[in-house]
Amino acid sequence: MVFRSSPGTGKTHLSIGLGIRACQAGDRVAFATVAGWVARLADAHAAGRLQDEFTKLARNPS
C-alpha cells in the first residue's frame, strides 16, 4: 500500500495504525519511506543482487 499526499496529512499515522492492526491479525508488515525503498533497491542493483532483493521482498506477504 502506498500513501501519497502533502506533508502533515496523517500518512505516517495511518500507516502505523494499519500496520499494528495487521500485526495483531497475524500478518507480516514492512514499513519504509519511498526514499528508503528506492535506496534499498538501488544498492541491491549496484551490488548485482537486485533479483535476490526482489525474492526477499516477495516472501513478505504485506
C-alpha atoms as a PDB file:
ATOM      1  CA  MET A   1       0.000   0.000   0.000  1.00  0.00           C
ATOM      2  CA  VAL A   2       1.347   3.424  -0.857  1.00  0.00           C
ATOM      3  CA  PHE A   3       0.029   6.678   0.583  1.00  0.00           C
ATOM      4  CA  ARG A   4       0.789   9.901  -1.254  1.00  0.00           C
ATOM      5  CA  SER A   5      -0.233  13.354  -0.112  1.00  0.00           C
ATOM      6  CA  SER A   6       1.044  16.669   1.166  1.00  0.00           C
ATOM      7  CA  PRO A   7       3.162  16.791   4.329  1.00  0.00           C
ATOM      8  CA  GLY A   8       1.259  16.794   7.596  1.00  0.00           C
ATOM      9  CA  THR A   9      -1.870  14.999   6.389  1.00  0.00           C
ATOM     10  CA  GLY A  10      -1.521  11.866   8.551  1.00  0.00           C
ATOM     11  CA  LYS A  11       0.010   9.333   6.167  1.00  0.00           C
ATOM     12  CA  THR A  12       2.518   8.050   8.717  1.00  0.00           C
ATOM     13  CA  HIS A  13      -0.073   7.929  11.475  1.00  0.00           C
ATOM     14  CA  LEU A  14      -2.476   5.968   9.267  1.00  0.00           C
ATOM     15  CA  SER A  15       0.293   3.624   8.087  1.00  0.00           C
ATOM     16  CA  ILE A  16       1.391   2.824  11.628  1.00  0.00           C
ATOM     17  CA  GLY A  17      -2.186   2.180  12.727  1.00  0.00           C
ATOM     18  CA  LEU A  18      -2.838  -0.147   9.805  1.00  0.00           C
ATOM     19  CA  GLY A  19       0.488  -1.900  10.373  1.00  0.00           C
ATOM     20  CA  ILE A  20      -0.277  -2.501  14.048  1.00  0.00           C
ATOM     21  CA  ARG A  21      -3.713  -3.846  13.187  1.00  0.00           C
ATOM     22  CA  ALA A  22      -2.260  -6.151  10.520  1.00  0.00           C
ATOM     23  CA  CYS A  23       0.284  -7.477  13.028  1.00  0.00           C
ATOM     24  CA  GLN A  24      -2.495  -8.107  15.538  1.00  0.00           C
ATOM     25  CA  ALA A  25      -4.259 -10.135  12.836  1.00  0.00           C
ATOM     26  CA  GLY A  26      -1.101 -12.220  12.347  1.00  0.00           C
ATOM     27  CA  ASP A  27       0.168 -10.610   9.157  1.00  0.00           C
ATOM     28  CA  ARG A  28       3.739  -9.568   8.471  1.00  0.00           C
ATOM     29  CA  VAL A  29       4.344  -5.879   7.814  1.00  0.00           C
ATOM     30  CA  ALA A  30       7.129  -3.930   6.110  1.00  0.00           C
ATOM     31  CA  PHE A  31       7.198  -0.177   6.655  1.00  0.00           C
ATOM     32  CA  ALA A  32       9.540   2.281   4.939  1.00  0.00           C
ATOM     33  CA  THR A  33       9.571   5.548   3.083  1.00  0.00           C
ATOM     34  CA  VAL A  34       9.669   5.625  -0.703  1.00  0.00           C
ATOM     35  CA  ALA A  35      13.180   7.068  -0.444  1.00  0.00           C
ATOM     36  CA  GLY A  36      14.164   4.105   1.716  1.00  0.00           C
ATOM     37  CA  TRP A  37      12.787   1.558  -0.752  1.00  0.00           C
ATOM     38  CA  VAL A  38      14.467   3.297  -3.700  1.00  0.00           C
ATOM     39  CA  ALA A  39      17.808   3.352  -1.861  1.00  0.00           C
ATOM     40  CA  ARG A  40      17.453  -0.318  -0.880  1.00  0.00           C
ATOM     41  CA  LEU A  41      16.745  -1.381  -4.463  1.00  0.00           C
ATOM     42  CA  ALA A  42      19.412   0.915  -5.926  1.00  0.00           C
ATOM     43  CA  ASP A  43      22.026  -0.527  -3.562  1.00  0.00           C
ATOM     44  CA  ALA A  44      20.988  -4.058  -4.476  1.00  0.00           C
ATOM     45  CA  HIS A  45      21.172  -3.204  -8.167  1.00  0.00           C
ATOM     46  CA  ALA A  46      24.637  -1.681  -7.797  1.00  0.00           C
ATOM     47  CA  ALA A  47      25.806  -4.793  -5.938  1.00  0.00           C
ATOM     48  CA  GLY A  48      24.406  -7.078  -8.642  1.00  0.00           C
ATOM     49  CA  ARG A  49      21.832  -8.651  -6.317  1.00  0.00           C
ATOM     50  CA  LEU A  50      18.607  -6.960  -7.381  1.00  0.00           C
ATOM     51  CA  GLN A  51      16.860 -10.270  -8.097  1.00  0.00           C
ATOM     52  CA  ASP A  52      17.820 -11.506  -4.618  1.00  0.00           C
ATOM     53  CA  GLU A  53      16.247  -8.379  -3.119  1.00  0.00           C
ATOM     54  CA  PHE A  54      13.038  -8.927  -5.094  1.00  0.00           C
ATOM     55  CA  THR A  55      12.954 -12.523  -3.865  1.00  0.00           C
ATOM     56  CA  LYS A  56      13.279 -11.332  -0.239  1.00  0.00           C
ATOM     57  CA  LEU A  57      10.512  -8.783  -0.757  1.00  0.00           C
ATOM     58  CA  ALA A  58       8.218 -11.403  -2.321  1.00  0.00           C
ATOM     59  CA  ARG A  59       8.472 -13.509   0.855  1.00  0.00           C
ATOM     60  CA  ASN A  60       6.800 -10.705   2.799  1.00  0.00           C
ATOM     61  CA  PRO A  61       3.079 -11.063   2.070  1.00  0.00           C
ATOM     62  CA  SER A  62       2.254  -7.492   3.056  1.00  0.00           C
END
